[in-house]
């Protein structure tokens, strides 16, 4: 149970909590009387929610908590749907061209959009996955440098953007991601079945080779070998 902190300090502590954590923490925190009302209404306002006060007031801490979390759950669903719509619209544009400007405008218009939002209906792909899959190098750089995308973010099958770029034959993006330190050892399954077959999780170089992209497989394996040599050198120096 949290100590009895001021309302403002409690809001600060809970600011970064996800919904399940927030629910657990708030359920265990004793809030009674006027201070309890202040906290629950303040927490709702902090998350951009409005809980209408009745003439008599909602004096039950349980009722306030239930109302807040019901509203938060609805808000989370609405934001996920909105994020899916924005990311999917950009994916449609990525089929045709490098839409770095459209991505920038999307984040300006949707400030709550997470750059690592995983599409709920498309293998959990993020914008970085989609840009890598289409070989849109300018978009990849913008997502990483401007919007702070996670370099090794994984989709539902464990594919990182590097895996997807290798699987799709995007040498330029593969080089860029490797230059930035992408993990070449992550294994995963692709977002759709491949003509090369194989259903088990495999690393980026293996997928590239199976798809016939020998140049990409070679680039990735060179990084792997250099990493092994560095580890061996460090081990030798420590003897």
Protein backbone atom coordinates (compact mmCIF):
# COMPACT_ATOMS: atom_id res chain seq x y z
CA UNK A 1 0.00 0.00 0.00
CA UNK A 2 1.28 3.49 -0.85
CA UNK A 3 1.97 5.88 2.04
CA UNK A 4 -0.45 8.78 2.44
CA UNK A 5 1.09 11.17 -0.09
CA UNK A 6 -0.29 14.48 -1.24
CA UNK A 7 -2.68 14.33 -4.19
CA UNK A 8 -0.19 16.08 -6.49
CA UNK A 9 2.63 13.70 -5.56
CA UNK A 10 0.40 10.66 -6.02
CA UNK A 11 -0.55 11.84 -9.52
CA UNK A 12 3.14 12.21 -10.33
CA UNK A 13 3.91 8.69 -9.03
CA UNK A 14 1.06 7.17 -11.05
CA UNK A 15 1.63 9.18 -14.24
CA UNK A 16 3.57 6.48 -16.11
CA UNK A 17 1.55 3.47 -14.91
CA UNK A 18 -0.29 1.34 -17.42
CA UNK A 19 -3.97 0.66 -16.80
CA UNK A 20 -3.60 -2.69 -14.91
CA UNK A 21 -0.89 -1.26 -12.65
CA UNK A 22 -2.89 1.89 -12.07
CA UNK A 23 -5.93 -0.18 -11.15
CA UNK A 24 -3.97 -2.32 -8.69
CA UNK A 25 -2.25 0.60 -7.01
CA UNK A 26 -5.37 2.73 -6.70
CA UNK A 27 -7.43 -0.19 -5.42
CA UNK A 28 -4.97 -0.74 -2.57
CA UNK A 29 -4.62 2.92 -1.63
CA UNK A 30 -6.88 4.08 1.18
CA UNK A 31 -8.80 7.18 0.14
CA UNK A 32 -11.65 8.39 2.30
CA UNK A 33 -13.84 11.47 2.53
CA UNK A 34 -13.14 14.73 0.78
CA UNK A 35 -9.50 13.89 0.13
CA UNK A 36 -10.57 10.72 -1.64
CA UNK A 37 -12.93 12.63 -3.92
CA UNK A 38 -10.21 15.15 -4.71
CA UNK A 39 -7.79 12.39 -5.65
CA UNK A 40 -10.14 10.42 -7.90
CA UNK A 41 -11.44 13.49 -9.72
CA UNK A 42 -7.88 14.81 -10.02
CA UNK A 43 -6.65 11.50 -11.43
CA UNK A 44 -9.47 11.50 -13.98
CA UNK A 45 -8.61 15.06 -15.04
CA UNK A 46 -4.93 14.11 -15.29
CA UNK A 47 -5.83 11.44 -17.84
CA UNK A 48 -8.04 13.79 -19.83
CA UNK A 49 -11.32 12.40 -18.49
CA UNK A 50 -14.31 14.24 -17.09
CA UNK A 51 -16.38 12.61 -14.37
CA UNK A 52 -19.52 14.64 -13.87
CA UNK A 53 -20.27 15.57 -10.27
CA UNK A 54 -23.84 15.12 -9.08
CA UNK A 55 -25.63 17.52 -6.75
CA UNK A 56 -25.30 15.08 -3.86
CA UNK A 57 -21.79 14.10 -4.91
CA UNK A 58 -20.35 10.62 -5.33
CA UNK A 59 -19.26 10.01 -1.78
CA UNK A 60 -18.38 6.36 -2.24
CA UNK A 61 -14.67 5.84 -2.92
CA UNK A 62 -15.52 2.51 -4.60
CA UNK A 63 -18.02 4.14 -6.96
CA UNK A 64 -15.52 6.85 -7.91
CA UNK A 65 -12.82 4.25 -8.55
CA UNK A 66 -15.12 2.06 -10.66
CA UNK A 67 -16.30 5.05 -12.68
CA UNK A 68 -12.73 6.18 -13.30
CA UNK A 69 -11.49 2.81 -14.51
CA UNK A 70 -14.53 2.20 -16.67
CA UNK A 71 -13.82 5.53 -18.35
CA UNK A 72 -10.10 4.76 -18.64
CA UNK A 73 -10.83 1.40 -20.28
CA UNK A 74 -13.14 3.07 -22.79
CA UNK A 75 -10.51 5.72 -23.46
CA UNK A 76 -7.81 3.08 -24.02
CA UNK A 77 -9.96 1.24 -26.57
CA UNK A 78 -10.79 4.47 -28.37
CA UNK A 79 -7.12 5.50 -28.54
CA UNK A 80 -6.08 2.06 -29.82
CA UNK A 81 -8.68 2.24 -32.59
CA UNK A 82 -7.58 5.74 -33.51
CA UNK A 83 -3.91 4.69 -33.55
CA UNK A 84 -4.74 1.68 -35.75
CA UNK A 85 -6.49 3.97 -38.23
CA UNK A 86 -3.58 6.43 -38.39
CA UNK A 87 -0.89 3.76 -38.74
CA UNK A 88 -2.88 1.78 -41.31
CA UNK A 89 -3.44 4.89 -43.44
CA UNK A 90 0.31 5.53 -43.43
CA UNK A 91 0.96 1.88 -44.34
CA UNK A 92 -1.25 2.29 -47.40
CA UNK A 93 0.82 5.31 -48.43
CA UNK A 94 4.11 3.50 -47.78
CA UNK A 95 3.17 1.10 -50.57
CA UNK A 96 3.65 3.93 -53.05
CA UNK A 97 6.34 6.28 -51.76
CA UNK A 98 8.54 7.48 -48.89
CA UNK A 99 6.00 9.40 -46.81
CA UNK A 100 8.23 11.03 -44.19
CA UNK A 101 6.23 14.28 -44.37
CA UNK A 102 2.93 12.43 -43.87
CA UNK A 103 4.37 10.65 -40.83
CA UNK A 104 5.44 13.97 -39.32
CA UNK A 105 1.96 15.44 -39.87
CA UNK A 106 0.33 12.34 -38.34
CA UNK A 107 2.24 12.82 -35.09
CA UNK A 108 1.41 16.53 -35.06
CA UNK A 109 -2.31 15.81 -35.49
CA UNK A 110 -2.35 12.88 -33.07
CA UNK A 111 -0.12 13.87 -30.13
CA UNK A 112 -1.13 10.77 -28.15
CA UNK A 113 0.07 8.42 -30.90
CA UNK A 114 2.88 6.14 -29.74
CA UNK A 115 5.59 5.63 -32.35
CA UNK A 116 5.78 2.00 -31.16
CA UNK A 117 2.03 1.39 -31.44
CA UNK A 118 1.47 -2.21 -32.58
CA UNK A 119 -1.38 -2.69 -35.04
CA UNK A 120 -3.98 -4.81 -33.27
CA UNK A 121 -5.02 -6.61 -36.46
CA UNK A 122 -1.83 -6.83 -38.54
CA UNK A 123 0.70 -9.05 -36.76
CA UNK A 124 1.46 -6.33 -34.23
CA UNK A 125 3.50 -4.33 -36.76
CA UNK A 126 4.73 -0.85 -35.84
CA UNK A 127 5.43 2.03 -38.21
CA UNK A 128 9.13 1.14 -38.13
CA UNK A 129 8.32 -2.44 -39.17
CA UNK A 130 6.16 -1.17 -42.04
CA UNK A 131 8.72 1.37 -43.26
CA UNK A 132 11.45 -1.28 -43.12
CA UNK A 133 9.30 -3.75 -45.00
CA UNK A 134 8.80 -1.28 -47.86
CA UNK A 135 12.43 -0.16 -47.85
CA UNK A 136 11.53 3.48 -47.05
CA UNK A 137 14.92 4.62 -45.78
CA UNK A 138 13.94 8.25 -45.15
CA UNK A 139 10.97 7.14 -43.06
CA UNK A 140 13.11 4.70 -41.09
CA UNK A 141 15.59 7.45 -40.23
CA UNK A 142 12.84 9.88 -39.28
CA UNK A 143 11.04 7.37 -37.06
CA UNK A 144 14.28 6.63 -35.21
CA UNK A 145 15.84 10.10 -35.06
CA UNK A 146 12.80 12.36 -34.72
CA UNK A 147 10.09 10.23 -33.12
CA UNK A 148 12.24 7.90 -31.02
CA UNK A 149 11.11 4.52 -32.39
CA UNK A 150 12.52 1.45 -30.63
CA UNK A 151 15.24 -0.05 -32.84
CA UNK A 152 14.64 -3.69 -31.91
CA UNK A 153 10.87 -3.54 -31.36
CA UNK A 154 9.25 -6.94 -32.03
CA UNK A 155 5.91 -7.76 -33.63
CA UNK A 156 3.62 -10.64 -32.67
CA UNK A 157 5.94 -13.15 -34.35
CA UNK A 158 9.12 -11.79 -32.79
CA UNK A 159 10.22 -10.05 -36.01
CA UNK A 160 12.28 -6.89 -35.54
CA UNK A 161 12.45 -4.19 -38.25
CA UNK A 162 15.81 -5.70 -39.26
CA UNK A 163 14.25 -9.14 -39.67
CA UNK A 164 11.45 -7.69 -41.76
CA UNK A 165 13.81 -5.66 -43.94
CA UNK A 166 15.96 -8.76 -44.53
CA UNK A 167 12.91 -10.92 -45.25
CA UNK A 168 11.68 -8.28 -47.72
CA UNK A 169 15.03 -7.85 -49.47
CA UNK A 170 15.63 -4.22 -48.43
CA UNK A 171 19.42 -3.98 -48.41
CA UNK A 172 19.59 -0.22 -47.81
CA UNK A 173 17.40 -0.43 -44.72
CA UNK A 174 19.28 -3.50 -43.48
CA UNK A 175 22.57 -1.57 -43.69
CA UNK A 176 21.06 1.43 -41.91
CA UNK A 177 19.61 -0.61 -39.05
CA UNK A 178 22.85 -2.55 -38.61
CA UNK A 179 24.81 0.71 -38.57
CA UNK A 180 22.61 1.83 -35.69
CA UNK A 181 23.30 -1.33 -33.72
CA UNK A 182 20.28 -3.51 -34.53
CA UNK A 183 20.40 -6.96 -32.93
CA UNK A 184 21.17 -9.50 -35.69
CA UNK A 185 20.54 -12.52 -33.47
CA UNK A 186 16.79 -12.06 -32.88
CA UNK A 187 14.73 -14.89 -34.37
CA UNK A 188 11.09 -14.65 -35.40
CA UNK A 189 8.38 -15.64 -37.84
CA UNK A 190 7.21 -13.38 -40.70
CA UNK A 191 3.83 -11.64 -40.88
CA UNK A 192 2.71 -13.95 -43.68
CA UNK A 193 3.67 -17.29 -45.20
CA UNK A 194 6.68 -17.29 -47.50
CA UNK A 195 7.34 -19.17 -50.71
CA UNK A 196 10.62 -20.30 -49.17
CA UNK A 197 8.70 -22.28 -46.56
CA UNK A 198 9.62 -22.74 -42.96
CA UNK A 199 7.42 -22.11 -39.94
CA UNK A 200 9.91 -22.01 -37.10
CA UNK A 201 11.48 -18.80 -35.78
CA UNK A 202 14.67 -17.89 -37.62
CA UNK A 203 17.13 -14.99 -37.52
CA UNK A 204 17.31 -12.25 -40.15
CA UNK A 205 20.25 -13.75 -42.07
CA UNK A 206 18.52 -17.13 -42.34
CA UNK A 207 15.33 -15.59 -43.68
CA UNK A 208 17.31 -13.50 -46.17
CA UNK A 209 19.11 -16.59 -47.45
CA UNK A 210 15.89 -18.61 -47.70
CA UNK A 211 14.25 -15.80 -49.66
CA UNK A 212 17.19 -15.63 -52.08
CA UNK A 213 18.77 -12.40 -50.81
CA UNK A 214 22.32 -13.68 -50.49
CA UNK A 215 23.85 -10.19 -50.37
CA UNK A 216 21.74 -9.28 -47.36
CA UNK A 217 22.52 -12.54 -45.57
CA UNK A 218 26.23 -11.87 -46.15
CA UNK A 219 26.04 -8.34 -44.69
CA UNK A 220 24.23 -9.56 -41.58
CA UNK A 221 26.63 -12.47 -41.03
CA UNK A 222 29.64 -10.17 -41.31
CA UNK A 223 28.26 -8.23 -38.37
CA UNK A 224 27.73 -11.46 -36.45
CA UNK A 225 31.28 -12.63 -37.11
CA UNK A 226 32.79 -9.28 -36.12
CA UNK A 227 30.83 -9.42 -32.88
CA UNK A 228 32.14 -12.91 -32.14
CA UNK A 229 35.70 -11.76 -32.83
CA UNK A 230 35.29 -8.84 -30.42
CA UNK A 231 34.00 -11.18 -27.71
CA UNK A 232 36.90 -13.57 -28.26
CA UNK A 233 39.35 -10.65 -28.10
CA UNK A 234 37.87 -9.43 -24.84
CA UNK A 235 37.96 -12.96 -23.40
CA UNK A 236 41.63 -13.31 -24.40
CA UNK A 237 42.52 -9.97 -22.83
CA UNK A 238 40.97 -11.05 -19.55
CA UNK A 239 43.03 -14.23 -19.30
